[in-house]
Amino acid sequence: MLEQEREIYRARAAQEGKPEKVLDRIVEGRLNKFFEEFCLLEQSFIRDPDVKITELVAETGAKVNENVVVRRFVRFQMGQ
């Protein structure tokens, strides 16, 4: 899936007329945005958008002196 997304972003950037030298950086930037949108641990915490879920899990583990692992979660969708 990752390689497929990489090829889609590369083709889209080339179609926009971007120089060949910067295509890799553009693709990596778009992949990072893809991860932030679709990977739970890369998403921003709803209460503090400056903190990612990975950082929140690490902070919580440090506070309680335990290894904290996300075992389940609930996805809410607004609208409709």
Protein backbone atom coordinates (compact mmCIF):
# COMPACT_ATOMS: atom_id res chain seq x y z
CA MET A 1 0.00 0.00 0.00
CA LEU A 2 2.85 2.34 0.87
CA GLU A 3 4.57 1.83 -2.48
CA GLN A 4 1.27 2.37 -4.27
CA GLU A 5 0.71 5.69 -2.47
CA ARG A 6 4.31 6.71 -3.20
CA GLU A 7 3.80 6.09 -6.93
CA ILE A 8 0.51 8.01 -6.94
CA TYR A 9 2.12 11.03 -5.25
CA ARG A 10 5.14 10.89 -7.56
CA ALA A 11 2.94 10.82 -10.67
CA ARG A 12 0.76 13.63 -9.35
CA ALA A 13 3.79 15.84 -8.59
CA ALA A 14 5.32 15.11 -12.01
CA GLN A 15 1.99 15.96 -13.64
CA GLU A 16 1.99 19.30 -11.79
CA GLY A 17 5.29 20.11 -13.48
CA LYS A 18 7.53 19.88 -10.41
CA PRO A 19 11.28 19.51 -11.08
CA GLU A 20 12.69 15.97 -10.94
CA LYS A 21 15.17 17.00 -8.20
CA VAL A 22 12.46 17.79 -5.65
CA LEU A 23 10.02 14.96 -6.43
CA ASP A 24 11.38 12.76 -3.63
CA ARG A 25 10.97 15.50 -1.01
CA ILE A 26 7.45 16.27 -2.22
CA VAL A 27 6.52 12.58 -2.09
CA GLU A 28 7.93 12.21 1.45
CA GLY A 29 6.01 15.28 2.61
CA ARG A 30 2.76 13.96 1.19
CA LEU A 31 3.41 10.53 2.74
CA ASN A 32 3.91 12.17 6.13
CA LYS A 33 0.57 13.91 5.72
CA PHE A 34 -0.98 10.56 4.73
CA PHE A 35 0.39 8.95 7.93
CA GLU A 36 -0.95 11.80 10.07
CA GLU A 37 -4.39 11.25 8.62
CA PHE A 38 -4.61 7.44 8.63
CA CYS A 39 -2.27 6.16 11.39
CA LEU A 40 -3.63 6.52 14.92
CA LEU A 41 -0.26 6.96 16.59
CA GLU A 42 0.70 9.73 14.16
CA GLN A 43 -2.52 11.70 14.62
CA SER A 44 -2.80 14.81 16.77
CA PHE A 45 -4.40 14.54 20.19
CA ILE A 46 -7.88 16.07 20.06
CA ARG A 47 -7.44 18.09 23.26
CA ASP A 48 -3.99 19.42 22.35
CA PRO A 49 -3.31 19.40 18.59
CA ASP A 50 0.40 20.12 19.16
CA VAL A 51 0.85 16.67 20.77
CA LYS A 52 0.79 13.45 18.74
CA ILE A 53 -0.73 10.27 20.15
CA THR A 54 2.73 8.64 20.27
CA GLU A 55 4.00 11.43 22.51
CA LEU A 56 0.88 11.22 24.70
CA VAL A 57 1.35 7.47 25.19
CA ALA A 58 5.03 7.99 26.12
CA GLU A 59 4.15 10.80 28.57
CA THR A 60 1.44 8.71 30.21
CA GLY A 61 3.80 5.75 30.54
CA ALA A 62 6.41 7.97 32.17
CA LYS A 63 3.87 9.39 34.64
CA VAL A 64 2.60 6.01 35.82
CA ASN A 65 5.97 4.21 35.52
CA GLU A 66 4.43 1.51 33.36
CA ASN A 67 4.65 0.41 29.74
CA VAL A 68 1.48 1.84 28.18
CA VAL A 69 0.19 0.18 25.01
CA VAL A 70 -2.83 1.14 22.92
CA ARG A 71 -4.90 -2.02 22.74
CA ARG A 72 -8.15 -0.61 21.41
CA PHE A 73 -9.71 2.65 20.40
CA VAL A 74 -13.00 4.07 19.22
CA ARG A 75 -13.34 6.11 16.05
CA PHE A 76 -15.92 8.89 16.01
CA GLN A 77 -16.97 10.62 12.81
CA MET A 78 -18.75 13.94 12.84
CA GLY A 79 -21.45 14.85 10.36
CA GLN A 80 -23.98 13.02 8.25
